[in-house]
Amino acid sequence: MGQTGRVEKGHGSSKNSLTETVIFRYTQLLSPKLTLRNYNAQVSEALVNVNKR
């Protein structure tokens, strides 16, 4: 959000926020611990685990 309270567009911030929300929900519901530390690797690991189910 900018200083005026409007959501900034074109910076990918909403996409990043959505990804972080999905990873958080995944870790809370399906896997208490992701094994990889790198953020991009965690996203890949989560997607692989979801596709296995």
C-alpha atoms as a PDB file:
ATOM      1  CA  MET A   1       0.000   0.000   0.000  1.00  0.00           C
ATOM      2  CA  GLY A   2       1.181   3.457  -0.763  1.00  0.00           C
ATOM      3  CA  GLN A   3       1.017   6.453   1.523  1.00  0.00           C
ATOM      4  CA  THR A   4      -2.473   7.313   0.307  1.00  0.00           C
ATOM      5  CA  GLY A   5      -3.791   3.859   1.182  1.00  0.00           C
ATOM      6  CA  ARG A   6      -4.135   2.722  -2.418  1.00  0.00           C
ATOM      7  CA  VAL A   7      -2.797  -0.646  -3.464  1.00  0.00           C
ATOM      8  CA  GLU A   8       0.258  -0.296  -5.666  1.00  0.00           C
ATOM      9  CA  LYS A   9      -0.112  -1.945  -9.048  1.00  0.00           C
ATOM     10  CA  GLY A  10       2.495  -3.337 -11.368  1.00  0.00           C
ATOM     11  CA  HIS A  11       5.085  -4.198  -8.754  1.00  0.00           C
ATOM     12  CA  GLY A  12       4.031  -7.790  -8.158  1.00  0.00           C
ATOM     13  CA  SER A  13       3.463  -7.115  -4.473  1.00  0.00           C
ATOM     14  CA  SER A  14      -0.005  -8.667  -4.478  1.00  0.00           C
ATOM     15  CA  LYS A  15       1.323 -11.767  -6.252  1.00  0.00           C
ATOM     16  CA  ASN A  16       4.115 -12.102  -3.691  1.00  0.00           C
ATOM     17  CA  SER A  17       1.650 -11.608  -0.860  1.00  0.00           C
ATOM     18  CA  LEU A  18      -0.654 -14.272  -2.296  1.00  0.00           C
ATOM     19  CA  THR A  19       2.259 -16.695  -2.619  1.00  0.00           C
ATOM     20  CA  GLU A  20       3.302 -16.066   0.980  1.00  0.00           C
ATOM     21  CA  THR A  21      -0.279 -16.644   2.136  1.00  0.00           C
ATOM     22  CA  VAL A  22      -0.496 -19.925   0.226  1.00  0.00           C
ATOM     23  CA  ILE A  23       2.819 -21.149   1.655  1.00  0.00           C
ATOM     24  CA  PHE A  24       1.693 -20.207   5.175  1.00  0.00           C
ATOM     25  CA  ARG A  25      -1.617 -22.040   4.788  1.00  0.00           C
ATOM     26  CA  TYR A  26       0.123 -25.056   3.296  1.00  0.00           C
ATOM     27  CA  THR A  27       2.587 -25.286   6.172  1.00  0.00           C
ATOM     28  CA  GLN A  28      -0.163 -24.887   8.755  1.00  0.00           C
ATOM     29  CA  LEU A  29      -2.555 -27.417   7.227  1.00  0.00           C
ATOM     30  CA  LEU A  30      -0.575 -30.019   5.319  1.00  0.00           C
ATOM     31  CA  SER A  31       3.044 -29.975   6.354  1.00  0.00           C
ATOM     32  CA  PRO A  32       4.214 -28.676   9.712  1.00  0.00           C
ATOM     33  CA  LYS A  33       7.732 -28.223   8.399  1.00  0.00           C
ATOM     34  CA  LEU A  34       9.160 -27.534   4.968  1.00  0.00           C
ATOM     35  CA  THR A  35      12.622 -29.031   4.714  1.00  0.00           C
ATOM     36  CA  LEU A  36      14.228 -26.458   2.430  1.00  0.00           C
ATOM     37  CA  ARG A  37      15.307 -22.992   3.598  1.00  0.00           C
ATOM     38  CA  ASN A  38      15.341 -21.128   0.292  1.00  0.00           C
ATOM     39  CA  TYR A  39      11.976 -19.441  -0.381  1.00  0.00           C
ATOM     40  CA  ASN A  40      11.815 -20.484  -4.044  1.00  0.00           C
ATOM     41  CA  ALA A  41      12.734 -24.039  -3.083  1.00  0.00           C
ATOM     42  CA  GLN A  42       9.947 -24.041  -0.478  1.00  0.00           C
ATOM     43  CA  VAL A  43       7.446 -22.996  -3.138  1.00  0.00           C
ATOM     44  CA  SER A  44       8.614 -25.835  -5.379  1.00  0.00           C
ATOM     45  CA  GLU A  45       8.532 -28.315  -2.507  1.00  0.00           C
ATOM     46  CA  ALA A  46       5.001 -27.281  -1.571  1.00  0.00           C
ATOM     47  CA  LEU A  47       3.797 -27.646  -5.161  1.00  0.00           C
ATOM     48  CA  VAL A  48       5.357 -31.099  -5.452  1.00  0.00           C
ATOM     49  CA  ASN A  49       3.741 -32.204  -2.202  1.00  0.00           C
ATOM     50  CA  VAL A  50       0.333 -30.884  -3.260  1.00  0.00           C
ATOM     51  CA  ASN A  51       0.580 -32.674  -6.612  1.00  0.00           C
ATOM     52  CA  LYS A  52       1.391 -35.960  -4.835  1.00  0.00           C
ATOM     53  CA  ARG A  53      -1.955 -35.969  -3.013  1.00  0.00           C
END
